Amino acid sequence: RPKSAAERKRECRLVRGACKAECN
């Protein structure tokens, strides 16, 4: 089952990341 957008954003926050247009 593909992960939902909410699950992917939650995983991103767990590793102290941010969803941005591009990475520095």
PDBML (XML) file of the C-alpha atoms, coordinates in Angstrom:
<?xml version="1.0" encoding="UTF-8" ?>
<PDBx:datablock datablockName="MODEL"
   xmlns:PDBx="http://pdbml.pdb.org/schema/pdbx-v50.xsd"
   xmlns:xsi="http://www.w3.org/2001/XMLSchema-instance"
   xsi:schemaLocation="http://pdbml.pdb.org/schema/pdbx-v50.xsd pdbx-v50.xsd">
   <PDBx:atom_siteCategory>
      <PDBx:atom_site id="1">
         <PDBx:B_iso_or_equiv>0.00</PDBx:B_iso_or_equiv>
         <PDBx:Cartn_x>0.000</PDBx:Cartn_x>
         <PDBx:Cartn_y>0.000</PDBx:Cartn_y>
         <PDBx:Cartn_z>0.000</PDBx:Cartn_z>
         <PDBx:auth_asym_id>A</PDBx:auth_asym_id>
         <PDBx:auth_atom_id>CA</PDBx:auth_atom_id>
         <PDBx:auth_comp_id>ARG</PDBx:auth_comp_id>
         <PDBx:auth_seq_id>1</PDBx:auth_seq_id>
         <PDBx:group_PDB>ATOM</PDBx:group_PDB>
         <PDBx:label_alt_id xsi:nil="true" />
         <PDBx:label_asym_id>A</PDBx:label_asym_id>
         <PDBx:label_atom_id>CA</PDBx:label_atom_id>
         <PDBx:label_comp_id>ARG</PDBx:label_comp_id>
         <PDBx:label_entity_id>1</PDBx:label_entity_id>
         <PDBx:label_seq_id>1</PDBx:label_seq_id>
         <PDBx:occupancy>1.00</PDBx:occupancy>
         <PDBx:pdbx_PDB_model_num>1</PDBx:pdbx_PDB_model_num>
         <PDBx:type_symbol>C</PDBx:type_symbol>
      </PDBx:atom_site>
      <PDBx:atom_site id="2">
         <PDBx:B_iso_or_equiv>0.00</PDBx:B_iso_or_equiv>
         <PDBx:Cartn_x>1.518</PDBx:Cartn_x>
         <PDBx:Cartn_y>3.357</PDBx:Cartn_y>
         <PDBx:Cartn_z>-0.957</PDBx:Cartn_z>
         <PDBx:auth_asym_id>A</PDBx:auth_asym_id>
         <PDBx:auth_atom_id>CA</PDBx:auth_atom_id>
         <PDBx:auth_comp_id>PRO</PDBx:auth_comp_id>
         <PDBx:auth_seq_id>2</PDBx:auth_seq_id>
         <PDBx:group_PDB>ATOM</PDBx:group_PDB>
         <PDBx:label_alt_id xsi:nil="true" />
         <PDBx:label_asym_id>A</PDBx:label_asym_id>
         <PDBx:label_atom_id>CA</PDBx:label_atom_id>
         <PDBx:label_comp_id>PRO</PDBx:label_comp_id>
         <PDBx:label_entity_id>1</PDBx:label_entity_id>
         <PDBx:label_seq_id>2</PDBx:label_seq_id>
         <PDBx:occupancy>1.00</PDBx:occupancy>
         <PDBx:pdbx_PDB_model_num>1</PDBx:pdbx_PDB_model_num>
         <PDBx:type_symbol>C</PDBx:type_symbol>
      </PDBx:atom_site>
      <PDBx:atom_site id="3">
         <PDBx:B_iso_or_equiv>0.00</PDBx:B_iso_or_equiv>
         <PDBx:Cartn_x>2.049</PDBx:Cartn_x>
         <PDBx:Cartn_y>5.765</PDBx:Cartn_y>
         <PDBx:Cartn_z>1.910</PDBx:Cartn_z>
         <PDBx:auth_asym_id>A</PDBx:auth_asym_id>
         <PDBx:auth_atom_id>CA</PDBx:auth_atom_id>
         <PDBx:auth_comp_id>LYS</PDBx:auth_comp_id>
         <PDBx:auth_seq_id>3</PDBx:auth_seq_id>
         <PDBx:group_PDB>ATOM</PDBx:group_PDB>
         <PDBx:label_alt_id xsi:nil="true" />
         <PDBx:label_asym_id>A</PDBx:label_asym_id>
         <PDBx:label_atom_id>CA</PDBx:label_atom_id>
         <PDBx:label_comp_id>LYS</PDBx:label_comp_id>
         <PDBx:label_entity_id>1</PDBx:label_entity_id>
         <PDBx:label_seq_id>3</PDBx:label_seq_id>
         <PDBx:occupancy>1.00</PDBx:occupancy>
         <PDBx:pdbx_PDB_model_num>1</PDBx:pdbx_PDB_model_num>
         <PDBx:type_symbol>C</PDBx:type_symbol>
      </PDBx:atom_site>
      <PDBx:atom_site id="4">
         <PDBx:B_iso_or_equiv>0.00</PDBx:B_iso_or_equiv>
         <PDBx:Cartn_x>-0.294</PDBx:Cartn_x>
         <PDBx:Cartn_y>8.682</PDBx:Cartn_y>
         <PDBx:Cartn_z>2.126</PDBx:Cartn_z>
         <PDBx:auth_asym_id>A</PDBx:auth_asym_id>
         <PDBx:auth_atom_id>CA</PDBx:auth_atom_id>
         <PDBx:auth_comp_id>SER</PDBx:auth_comp_id>
         <PDBx:auth_seq_id>4</PDBx:auth_seq_id>
         <PDBx:group_PDB>ATOM</PDBx:group_PDB>
         <PDBx:label_alt_id xsi:nil="true" />
         <PDBx:label_asym_id>A</PDBx:label_asym_id>
         <PDBx:label_atom_id>CA</PDBx:label_atom_id>
         <PDBx:label_comp_id>SER</PDBx:label_comp_id>
         <PDBx:label_entity_id>1</PDBx:label_entity_id>
         <PDBx:label_seq_id>4</PDBx:label_seq_id>
         <PDBx:occupancy>1.00</PDBx:occupancy>
         <PDBx:pdbx_PDB_model_num>1</PDBx:pdbx_PDB_model_num>
         <PDBx:type_symbol>C</PDBx:type_symbol>
      </PDBx:atom_site>
      <PDBx:atom_site id="5">
         <PDBx:B_iso_or_equiv>0.00</PDBx:B_iso_or_equiv>
         <PDBx:Cartn_x>0.952</PDBx:Cartn_x>
         <PDBx:Cartn_y>12.265</PDBx:Cartn_y>
         <PDBx:Cartn_z>1.987</PDBx:Cartn_z>
         <PDBx:auth_asym_id>A</PDBx:auth_asym_id>
         <PDBx:auth_atom_id>CA</PDBx:auth_atom_id>
         <PDBx:auth_comp_id>ALA</PDBx:auth_comp_id>
         <PDBx:auth_seq_id>5</PDBx:auth_seq_id>
         <PDBx:group_PDB>ATOM</PDBx:group_PDB>
         <PDBx:label_alt_id xsi:nil="true" />
         <PDBx:label_asym_id>A</PDBx:label_asym_id>
         <PDBx:label_atom_id>CA</PDBx:label_atom_id>
         <PDBx:label_comp_id>ALA</PDBx:label_comp_id>
         <PDBx:label_entity_id>1</PDBx:label_entity_id>
         <PDBx:label_seq_id>5</PDBx:label_seq_id>
         <PDBx:occupancy>1.00</PDBx:occupancy>
         <PDBx:pdbx_PDB_model_num>1</PDBx:pdbx_PDB_model_num>
         <PDBx:type_symbol>C</PDBx:type_symbol>
      </PDBx:atom_site>
      <PDBx:atom_site id="6">
         <PDBx:B_iso_or_equiv>0.00</PDBx:B_iso_or_equiv>
         <PDBx:Cartn_x>0.195</PDBx:Cartn_x>
         <PDBx:Cartn_y>12.707</PDBx:Cartn_y>
         <PDBx:Cartn_z>5.694</PDBx:Cartn_z>
         <PDBx:auth_asym_id>A</PDBx:auth_asym_id>
         <PDBx:auth_atom_id>CA</PDBx:auth_atom_id>
         <PDBx:auth_comp_id>ALA</PDBx:auth_comp_id>
         <PDBx:auth_seq_id>6</PDBx:auth_seq_id>
         <PDBx:group_PDB>ATOM</PDBx:group_PDB>
         <PDBx:label_alt_id xsi:nil="true" />
         <PDBx:label_asym_id>A</PDBx:label_asym_id>
         <PDBx:label_atom_id>CA</PDBx:label_atom_id>
         <PDBx:label_comp_id>ALA</PDBx:label_comp_id>
         <PDBx:label_entity_id>1</PDBx:label_entity_id>
         <PDBx:label_seq_id>6</PDBx:label_seq_id>
         <PDBx:occupancy>1.00</PDBx:occupancy>
         <PDBx:pdbx_PDB_model_num>1</PDBx:pdbx_PDB_model_num>
         <PDBx:type_symbol>C</PDBx:type_symbol>
      </PDBx:atom_site>
      <PDBx:atom_site id="7">
         <PDBx:B_iso_or_equiv>0.00</PDBx:B_iso_or_equiv>
         <PDBx:Cartn_x>2.360</PDBx:Cartn_x>
         <PDBx:Cartn_y>9.688</PDBx:Cartn_y>
         <PDBx:Cartn_z>6.597</PDBx:Cartn_z>
         <PDBx:auth_asym_id>A</PDBx:auth_asym_id>
         <PDBx:auth_atom_id>CA</PDBx:auth_atom_id>
         <PDBx:auth_comp_id>GLU</PDBx:auth_comp_id>
         <PDBx:auth_seq_id>7</PDBx:auth_seq_id>
         <PDBx:group_PDB>ATOM</PDBx:group_PDB>
         <PDBx:label_alt_id xsi:nil="true" />
         <PDBx:label_asym_id>A</PDBx:label_asym_id>
         <PDBx:label_atom_id>CA</PDBx:label_atom_id>
         <PDBx:label_comp_id>GLU</PDBx:label_comp_id>
         <PDBx:label_entity_id>1</PDBx:label_entity_id>
         <PDBx:label_seq_id>7</PDBx:label_seq_id>
         <PDBx:occupancy>1.00</PDBx:occupancy>
         <PDBx:pdbx_PDB_model_num>1</PDBx:pdbx_PDB_model_num>
         <PDBx:type_symbol>C</PDBx:type_symbol>
      </PDBx:atom_site>
      <PDBx:atom_site id="8">
         <PDBx:B_iso_or_equiv>0.00</PDBx:B_iso_or_equiv>
         <PDBx:Cartn_x>5.251</PDBx:Cartn_x>
         <PDBx:Cartn_y>10.969</PDBx:Cartn_y>
         <PDBx:Cartn_z>4.474</PDBx:Cartn_z>
         <PDBx:auth_asym_id>A</PDBx:auth_asym_id>
         <PDBx:auth_atom_id>CA</PDBx:auth_atom_id>
         <PDBx:auth_comp_id>ARG</PDBx:auth_comp_id>
         <PDBx:auth_seq_id>8</PDBx:auth_seq_id>
         <PDBx:group_PDB>ATOM</PDBx:group_PDB>
         <PDBx:label_alt_id xsi:nil="true" />
         <PDBx:label_asym_id>A</PDBx:label_asym_id>
         <PDBx:label_atom_id>CA</PDBx:label_atom_id>
         <PDBx:label_comp_id>ARG</PDBx:label_comp_id>
         <PDBx:label_entity_id>1</PDBx:label_entity_id>
         <PDBx:label_seq_id>8</PDBx:label_seq_id>
         <PDBx:occupancy>1.00</PDBx:occupancy>
         <PDBx:pdbx_PDB_model_num>1</PDBx:pdbx_PDB_model_num>
         <PDBx:type_symbol>C</PDBx:type_symbol>
      </PDBx:atom_site>
      <PDBx:atom_site id="9">
         <PDBx:B_iso_or_equiv>0.00</PDBx:B_iso_or_equiv>
         <PDBx:Cartn_x>5.049</PDBx:Cartn_x>
         <PDBx:Cartn_y>14.438</PDBx:Cartn_y>
         <PDBx:Cartn_z>6.058</PDBx:Cartn_z>
         <PDBx:auth_asym_id>A</PDBx:auth_asym_id>
         <PDBx:auth_atom_id>CA</PDBx:auth_atom_id>
         <PDBx:auth_comp_id>LYS</PDBx:auth_comp_id>
         <PDBx:auth_seq_id>9</PDBx:auth_seq_id>
         <PDBx:group_PDB>ATOM</PDBx:group_PDB>
         <PDBx:label_alt_id xsi:nil="true" />
         <PDBx:label_asym_id>A</PDBx:label_asym_id>
         <PDBx:label_atom_id>CA</PDBx:label_atom_id>
         <PDBx:label_comp_id>LYS</PDBx:label_comp_id>
         <PDBx:label_entity_id>1</PDBx:label_entity_id>
         <PDBx:label_seq_id>9</PDBx:label_seq_id>
         <PDBx:occupancy>1.00</PDBx:occupancy>
         <PDBx:pdbx_PDB_model_num>1</PDBx:pdbx_PDB_model_num>
         <PDBx:type_symbol>C</PDBx:type_symbol>
      </PDBx:atom_site>
      <PDBx:atom_site id="10">
         <PDBx:B_iso_or_equiv>0.00</PDBx:B_iso_or_equiv>
         <PDBx:Cartn_x>4.971</PDBx:Cartn_x>
         <PDBx:Cartn_y>12.843</PDBx:Cartn_y>
         <PDBx:Cartn_z>9.527</PDBx:Cartn_z>
         <PDBx:auth_asym_id>A</PDBx:auth_asym_id>
         <PDBx:auth_atom_id>CA</PDBx:auth_atom_id>
         <PDBx:auth_comp_id>ARG</PDBx:auth_comp_id>
         <PDBx:auth_seq_id>10</PDBx:auth_seq_id>
         <PDBx:group_PDB>ATOM</PDBx:group_PDB>
         <PDBx:label_alt_id xsi:nil="true" />
         <PDBx:label_asym_id>A</PDBx:label_asym_id>
         <PDBx:label_atom_id>CA</PDBx:label_atom_id>
         <PDBx:label_comp_id>ARG</PDBx:label_comp_id>
         <PDBx:label_entity_id>1</PDBx:label_entity_id>
         <PDBx:label_seq_id>10</PDBx:label_seq_id>
         <PDBx:occupancy>1.00</PDBx:occupancy>
         <PDBx:pdbx_PDB_model_num>1</PDBx:pdbx_PDB_model_num>
         <PDBx:type_symbol>C</PDBx:type_symbol>
      </PDBx:atom_site>
      <PDBx:atom_site id="11">
         <PDBx:B_iso_or_equiv>0.00</PDBx:B_iso_or_equiv>
         <PDBx:Cartn_x>8.111</PDBx:Cartn_x>
         <PDBx:Cartn_y>10.827</PDBx:Cartn_y>
         <PDBx:Cartn_z>8.725</PDBx:Cartn_z>
         <PDBx:auth_asym_id>A</PDBx:auth_asym_id>
         <PDBx:auth_atom_id>CA</PDBx:auth_atom_id>
         <PDBx:auth_comp_id>GLU</PDBx:auth_comp_id>
         <PDBx:auth_seq_id>11</PDBx:auth_seq_id>
         <PDBx:group_PDB>ATOM</PDBx:group_PDB>
         <PDBx:label_alt_id xsi:nil="true" />
         <PDBx:label_asym_id>A</PDBx:label_asym_id>
         <PDBx:label_atom_id>CA</PDBx:label_atom_id>
         <PDBx:label_comp_id>GLU</PDBx:label_comp_id>
         <PDBx:label_entity_id>1</PDBx:label_entity_id>
         <PDBx:label_seq_id>11</PDBx:label_seq_id>
         <PDBx:occupancy>1.00</PDBx:occupancy>
         <PDBx:pdbx_PDB_model_num>1</PDBx:pdbx_PDB_model_num>
         <PDBx:type_symbol>C</PDBx:type_symbol>
      </PDBx:atom_site>
      <PDBx:atom_site id="12">
         <PDBx:B_iso_or_equiv>0.00</PDBx:B_iso_or_equiv>
         <PDBx:Cartn_x>9.756</PDBx:Cartn_x>
         <PDBx:Cartn_y>14.007</PDBx:Cartn_y>
         <PDBx:Cartn_z>7.489</PDBx:Cartn_z>
         <PDBx:auth_asym_id>A</PDBx:auth_asym_id>
         <PDBx:auth_atom_id>CA</PDBx:auth_atom_id>
         <PDBx:auth_comp_id>CYS</PDBx:auth_comp_id>
         <PDBx:auth_seq_id>12</PDBx:auth_seq_id>
         <PDBx:group_PDB>ATOM</PDBx:group_PDB>
         <PDBx:label_alt_id xsi:nil="true" />
         <PDBx:label_asym_id>A</PDBx:label_asym_id>
         <PDBx:label_atom_id>CA</PDBx:label_atom_id>
         <PDBx:label_comp_id>CYS</PDBx:label_comp_id>
         <PDBx:label_entity_id>1</PDBx:label_entity_id>
         <PDBx:label_seq_id>12</PDBx:label_seq_id>
         <PDBx:occupancy>1.00</PDBx:occupancy>
         <PDBx:pdbx_PDB_model_num>1</PDBx:pdbx_PDB_model_num>
         <PDBx:type_symbol>C</PDBx:type_symbol>
      </PDBx:atom_site>
      <PDBx:atom_site id="13">
         <PDBx:B_iso_or_equiv>0.00</PDBx:B_iso_or_equiv>
         <PDBx:Cartn_x>8.998</PDBx:Cartn_x>
         <PDBx:Cartn_y>15.792</PDBx:Cartn_y>
         <PDBx:Cartn_z>10.756</PDBx:Cartn_z>
         <PDBx:auth_asym_id>A</PDBx:auth_asym_id>
         <PDBx:auth_atom_id>CA</PDBx:auth_atom_id>
         <PDBx:auth_comp_id>ARG</PDBx:auth_comp_id>
         <PDBx:auth_seq_id>13</PDBx:auth_seq_id>
         <PDBx:group_PDB>ATOM</PDBx:group_PDB>
         <PDBx:label_alt_id xsi:nil="true" />
         <PDBx:label_asym_id>A</PDBx:label_asym_id>
         <PDBx:label_atom_id>CA</PDBx:label_atom_id>
         <PDBx:label_comp_id>ARG</PDBx:label_comp_id>
         <PDBx:label_entity_id>1</PDBx:label_entity_id>
         <PDBx:label_seq_id>13</PDBx:label_seq_id>
         <PDBx:occupancy>1.00</PDBx:occupancy>
         <PDBx:pdbx_PDB_model_num>1</PDBx:pdbx_PDB_model_num>
         <PDBx:type_symbol>C</PDBx:type_symbol>
      </PDBx:atom_site>
      <PDBx:atom_site id="14">
         <PDBx:B_iso_or_equiv>0.00</PDBx:B_iso_or_equiv>
         <PDBx:Cartn_x>10.267</PDBx:Cartn_x>
         <PDBx:Cartn_y>12.828</PDBx:Cartn_y>
         <PDBx:Cartn_z>12.791</PDBx:Cartn_z>
         <PDBx:auth_asym_id>A</PDBx:auth_asym_id>
         <PDBx:auth_atom_id>CA</PDBx:auth_atom_id>
         <PDBx:auth_comp_id>LEU</PDBx:auth_comp_id>
         <PDBx:auth_seq_id>14</PDBx:auth_seq_id>
         <PDBx:group_PDB>ATOM</PDBx:group_PDB>
         <PDBx:label_alt_id xsi:nil="true" />
         <PDBx:label_asym_id>A</PDBx:label_asym_id>
         <PDBx:label_atom_id>CA</PDBx:label_atom_id>
         <PDBx:label_comp_id>LEU</PDBx:label_comp_id>
         <PDBx:label_entity_id>1</PDBx:label_entity_id>
         <PDBx:label_seq_id>14</PDBx:label_seq_id>
         <PDBx:occupancy>1.00</PDBx:occupancy>
         <PDBx:pdbx_PDB_model_num>1</PDBx:pdbx_PDB_model_num>
         <PDBx:type_symbol>C</PDBx:type_symbol>
      </PDBx:atom_site>
      <PDBx:atom_site id="15">
         <PDBx:B_iso_or_equiv>0.00</PDBx:B_iso_or_equiv>
         <PDBx:Cartn_x>13.739</PDBx:Cartn_x>
         <PDBx:Cartn_y>13.237</PDBx:Cartn_y>
         <PDBx:Cartn_z>11.295</PDBx:Cartn_z>
         <PDBx:auth_asym_id>A</PDBx:auth_asym_id>
         <PDBx:auth_atom_id>CA</PDBx:auth_atom_id>
         <PDBx:auth_comp_id>VAL</PDBx:auth_comp_id>
         <PDBx:auth_seq_id>15</PDBx:auth_seq_id>
         <PDBx:group_PDB>ATOM</PDBx:group_PDB>
         <PDBx:label_alt_id xsi:nil="true" />
         <PDBx:label_asym_id>A</PDBx:label_asym_id>
         <PDBx:label_atom_id>CA</PDBx:label_atom_id>
         <PDBx:label_comp_id>VAL</PDBx:label_comp_id>
         <PDBx:label_entity_id>1</PDBx:label_entity_id>
         <PDBx:label_seq_id>15</PDBx:label_seq_id>
         <PDBx:occupancy>1.00</PDBx:occupancy>
         <PDBx:pdbx_PDB_model_num>1</PDBx:pdbx_PDB_model_num>
         <PDBx:type_symbol>C</PDBx:type_symbol>
      </PDBx:atom_site>
      <PDBx:atom_site id="16">
         <PDBx:B_iso_or_equiv>0.00</PDBx:B_iso_or_equiv>
         <PDBx:Cartn_x>13.532</PDBx:Cartn_x>
         <PDBx:Cartn_y>17.015</PDBx:Cartn_y>
         <PDBx:Cartn_z>11.853</PDBx:Cartn_z>
         <PDBx:auth_asym_id>A</PDBx:auth_asym_id>
         <PDBx:auth_atom_id>CA</PDBx:auth_atom_id>
         <PDBx:auth_comp_id>ARG</PDBx:auth_comp_id>
         <PDBx:auth_seq_id>16</PDBx:auth_seq_id>
         <PDBx:group_PDB>ATOM</PDBx:group_PDB>
         <PDBx:label_alt_id xsi:nil="true" />
         <PDBx:label_asym_id>A</PDBx:label_asym_id>
         <PDBx:label_atom_id>CA</PDBx:label_atom_id>
         <PDBx:label_comp_id>ARG</PDBx:label_comp_id>
         <PDBx:label_entity_id>1</PDBx:label_entity_id>
         <PDBx:label_seq_id>16</PDBx:label_seq_id>
         <PDBx:occupancy>1.00</PDBx:occupancy>
         <PDBx:pdbx_PDB_model_num>1</PDBx:pdbx_PDB_model_num>
         <PDBx:type_symbol>C</PDBx:type_symbol>
      </PDBx:atom_site>
      <PDBx:atom_site id="17">
         <PDBx:B_iso_or_equiv>0.00</PDBx:B_iso_or_equiv>
         <PDBx:Cartn_x>13.136</PDBx:Cartn_x>
         <PDBx:Cartn_y>17.740</PDBx:Cartn_y>
         <PDBx:Cartn_z>8.177</PDBx:Cartn_z>
         <PDBx:auth_asym_id>A</PDBx:auth_asym_id>
         <PDBx:auth_atom_id>CA</PDBx:auth_atom_id>
         <PDBx:auth_comp_id>GLY</PDBx:auth_comp_id>
         <PDBx:auth_seq_id>17</PDBx:auth_seq_id>
         <PDBx:group_PDB>ATOM</PDBx:group_PDB>
         <PDBx:label_alt_id xsi:nil="true" />
         <PDBx:label_asym_id>A</PDBx:label_asym_id>
         <PDBx:label_atom_id>CA</PDBx:label_atom_id>
         <PDBx:label_comp_id>GLY</PDBx:label_comp_id>
         <PDBx:label_entity_id>1</PDBx:label_entity_id>
         <PDBx:label_seq_id>17</PDBx:label_seq_id>
         <PDBx:occupancy>1.00</PDBx:occupancy>
         <PDBx:pdbx_PDB_model_num>1</PDBx:pdbx_PDB_model_num>
         <PDBx:type_symbol>C</PDBx:type_symbol>
      </PDBx:atom_site>
      <PDBx:atom_site id="18">
         <PDBx:B_iso_or_equiv>0.00</PDBx:B_iso_or_equiv>
         <PDBx:Cartn_x>11.041</PDBx:Cartn_x>
         <PDBx:Cartn_y>20.234</PDBx:Cartn_y>
         <PDBx:Cartn_z>6.254</PDBx:Cartn_z>
         <PDBx:auth_asym_id>A</PDBx:auth_asym_id>
         <PDBx:auth_atom_id>CA</PDBx:auth_atom_id>
         <PDBx:auth_comp_id>ALA</PDBx:auth_comp_id>
         <PDBx:auth_seq_id>18</PDBx:auth_seq_id>
         <PDBx:group_PDB>ATOM</PDBx:group_PDB>
         <PDBx:label_alt_id xsi:nil="true" />
         <PDBx:label_asym_id>A</PDBx:label_asym_id>
         <PDBx:label_atom_id>CA</PDBx:label_atom_id>
         <PDBx:label_comp_id>ALA</PDBx:label_comp_id>
         <PDBx:label_entity_id>1</PDBx:label_entity_id>
         <PDBx:label_seq_id>18</PDBx:label_seq_id>
         <PDBx:occupancy>1.00</PDBx:occupancy>
         <PDBx:pdbx_PDB_model_num>1</PDBx:pdbx_PDB_model_num>
         <PDBx:type_symbol>C</PDBx:type_symbol>
      </PDBx:atom_site>
      <PDBx:atom_site id="19">
         <PDBx:B_iso_or_equiv>0.00</PDBx:B_iso_or_equiv>
         <PDBx:Cartn_x>9.046</PDBx:Cartn_x>
         <PDBx:Cartn_y>19.854</PDBx:Cartn_y>
         <PDBx:Cartn_z>3.057</PDBx:Cartn_z>
         <PDBx:auth_asym_id>A</PDBx:auth_asym_id>
         <PDBx:auth_atom_id>CA</PDBx:auth_atom_id>
         <PDBx:auth_comp_id>CYS</PDBx:auth_comp_id>
         <PDBx:auth_seq_id>19</PDBx:auth_seq_id>
         <PDBx:group_PDB>ATOM</PDBx:group_PDB>
         <PDBx:label_alt_id xsi:nil="true" />
         <PDBx:label_asym_id>A</PDBx:label_asym_id>
         <PDBx:label_atom_id>CA</PDBx:label_atom_id>
         <PDBx:label_comp_id>CYS</PDBx:label_comp_id>
         <PDBx:label_entity_id>1</PDBx:label_entity_id>
         <PDBx:label_seq_id>19</PDBx:label_seq_id>
         <PDBx:occupancy>1.00</PDBx:occupancy>
         <PDBx:pdbx_PDB_model_num>1</PDBx:pdbx_PDB_model_num>
         <PDBx:type_symbol>C</PDBx:type_symbol>
      </PDBx:atom_site>
      <PDBx:atom_site id="20">
         <PDBx:B_iso_or_equiv>0.00</PDBx:B_iso_or_equiv>
         <PDBx:Cartn_x>10.413</PDBx:Cartn_x>
         <PDBx:Cartn_y>22.540</PDBx:Cartn_y>
         <PDBx:Cartn_z>0.717</PDBx:Cartn_z>
         <PDBx:auth_asym_id>A</PDBx:auth_asym_id>
         <PDBx:auth_atom_id>CA</PDBx:auth_atom_id>
         <PDBx:auth_comp_id>LYS</PDBx:auth_comp_id>
         <PDBx:auth_seq_id>20</PDBx:auth_seq_id>
         <PDBx:group_PDB>ATOM</PDBx:group_PDB>
         <PDBx:label_alt_id xsi:nil="true" />
         <PDBx:label_asym_id>A</PDBx:label_asym_id>
         <PDBx:label_atom_id>CA</PDBx:label_atom_id>
         <PDBx:label_comp_id>LYS</PDBx:label_comp_id>
         <PDBx:label_entity_id>1</PDBx:label_entity_id>
         <PDBx:label_seq_id>20</PDBx:label_seq_id>
         <PDBx:occupancy>1.00</PDBx:occupancy>
         <PDBx:pdbx_PDB_model_num>1</PDBx:pdbx_PDB_model_num>
         <PDBx:type_symbol>C</PDBx:type_symbol>
      </PDBx:atom_site>
      <PDBx:atom_site id="21">
         <PDBx:B_iso_or_equiv>0.00</PDBx:B_iso_or_equiv>
         <PDBx:Cartn_x>10.542</PDBx:Cartn_x>
         <PDBx:Cartn_y>23.269</PDBx:Cartn_y>
         <PDBx:Cartn_z>-2.994</PDBx:Cartn_z>
         <PDBx:auth_asym_id>A</PDBx:auth_asym_id>
         <PDBx:auth_atom_id>CA</PDBx:auth_atom_id>
         <PDBx:auth_comp_id>ALA</PDBx:auth_comp_id>
         <PDBx:auth_seq_id>21</PDBx:auth_seq_id>
         <PDBx:group_PDB>ATOM</PDBx:group_PDB>
         <PDBx:label_alt_id xsi:nil="true" />
         <PDBx:label_asym_id>A</PDBx:label_asym_id>
         <PDBx:label_atom_id>CA</PDBx:label_atom_id>
         <PDBx:label_comp_id>ALA</PDBx:label_comp_id>
         <PDBx:label_entity_id>1</PDBx:label_entity_id>
         <PDBx:label_seq_id>21</PDBx:label_seq_id>
         <PDBx:occupancy>1.00</PDBx:occupancy>
         <PDBx:pdbx_PDB_model_num>1</PDBx:pdbx_PDB_model_num>
         <PDBx:type_symbol>C</PDBx:type_symbol>
      </PDBx:atom_site>
      <PDBx:atom_site id="22">
         <PDBx:B_iso_or_equiv>0.00</PDBx:B_iso_or_equiv>
         <PDBx:Cartn_x>14.283</PDBx:Cartn_x>
         <PDBx:Cartn_y>22.450</PDBx:Cartn_y>
         <PDBx:Cartn_z>-3.101</PDBx:Cartn_z>
         <PDBx:auth_asym_id>A</PDBx:auth_asym_id>
         <PDBx:auth_atom_id>CA</PDBx:auth_atom_id>
         <PDBx:auth_comp_id>GLU</PDBx:auth_comp_id>
         <PDBx:auth_seq_id>22</PDBx:auth_seq_id>
         <PDBx:group_PDB>ATOM</PDBx:group_PDB>
         <PDBx:label_alt_id xsi:nil="true" />
         <PDBx:label_asym_id>A</PDBx:label_asym_id>
         <PDBx:label_atom_id>CA</PDBx:label_atom_id>
         <PDBx:label_comp_id>GLU</PDBx:label_comp_id>
         <PDBx:label_entity_id>1</PDBx:label_entity_id>
         <PDBx:label_seq_id>22</PDBx:label_seq_id>
         <PDBx:occupancy>1.00</PDBx:occupancy>
         <PDBx:pdbx_PDB_model_num>1</PDBx:pdbx_PDB_model_num>
         <PDBx:type_symbol>C</PDBx:type_symbol>
      </PDBx:atom_site>
      <PDBx:atom_site id="23">
         <PDBx:B_iso_or_equiv>0.00</PDBx:B_iso_or_equiv>
         <PDBx:Cartn_x>17.018</PDBx:Cartn_x>
         <PDBx:Cartn_y>21.593</PDBx:Cartn_y>
         <PDBx:Cartn_z>-0.621</PDBx:Cartn_z>
         <PDBx:auth_asym_id>A</PDBx:auth_asym_id>
         <PDBx:auth_atom_id>CA</PDBx:auth_atom_id>
         <PDBx:auth_comp_id>CYS</PDBx:auth_comp_id>
         <PDBx:auth_seq_id>23</PDBx:auth_seq_id>
         <PDBx:group_PDB>ATOM</PDBx:group_PDB>
         <PDBx:label_alt_id xsi:nil="true" />
         <PDBx:label_asym_id>A</PDBx:label_asym_id>
         <PDBx:label_atom_id>CA</PDBx:label_atom_id>
         <PDBx:label_comp_id>CYS</PDBx:label_comp_id>
         <PDBx:label_entity_id>1</PDBx:label_entity_id>
         <PDBx:label_seq_id>23</PDBx:label_seq_id>
         <PDBx:occupancy>1.00</PDBx:occupancy>
         <PDBx:pdbx_PDB_model_num>1</PDBx:pdbx_PDB_model_num>
         <PDBx:type_symbol>C</PDBx:type_symbol>
      </PDBx:atom_site>
      <PDBx:atom_site id="24">
         <PDBx:B_iso_or_equiv>0.00</PDBx:B_iso_or_equiv>
         <PDBx:Cartn_x>20.014</PDBx:Cartn_x>
         <PDBx:Cartn_y>23.786</PDBx:Cartn_y>
         <PDBx:Cartn_z>0.185</PDBx:Cartn_z>
         <PDBx:auth_asym_id>A</PDBx:auth_asym_id>
         <PDBx:auth_atom_id>CA</PDBx:auth_atom_id>
         <PDBx:auth_comp_id>ASN</PDBx:auth_comp_id>
         <PDBx:auth_seq_id>24</PDBx:auth_seq_id>
         <PDBx:group_PDB>ATOM</PDBx:group_PDB>
         <PDBx:label_alt_id xsi:nil="true" />
         <PDBx:label_asym_id>A</PDBx:label_asym_id>
         <PDBx:label_atom_id>CA</PDBx:label_atom_id>
         <PDBx:label_comp_id>ASN</PDBx:label_comp_id>
         <PDBx:label_entity_id>1</PDBx:label_entity_id>
         <PDBx:label_seq_id>24</PDBx:label_seq_id>
         <PDBx:occupancy>1.00</PDBx:occupancy>
         <PDBx:pdbx_PDB_model_num>1</PDBx:pdbx_PDB_model_num>
         <PDBx:type_symbol>C</PDBx:type_symbol>
      </PDBx:atom_site>
   </PDBx:atom_siteCategory>
</PDBx:datablock>
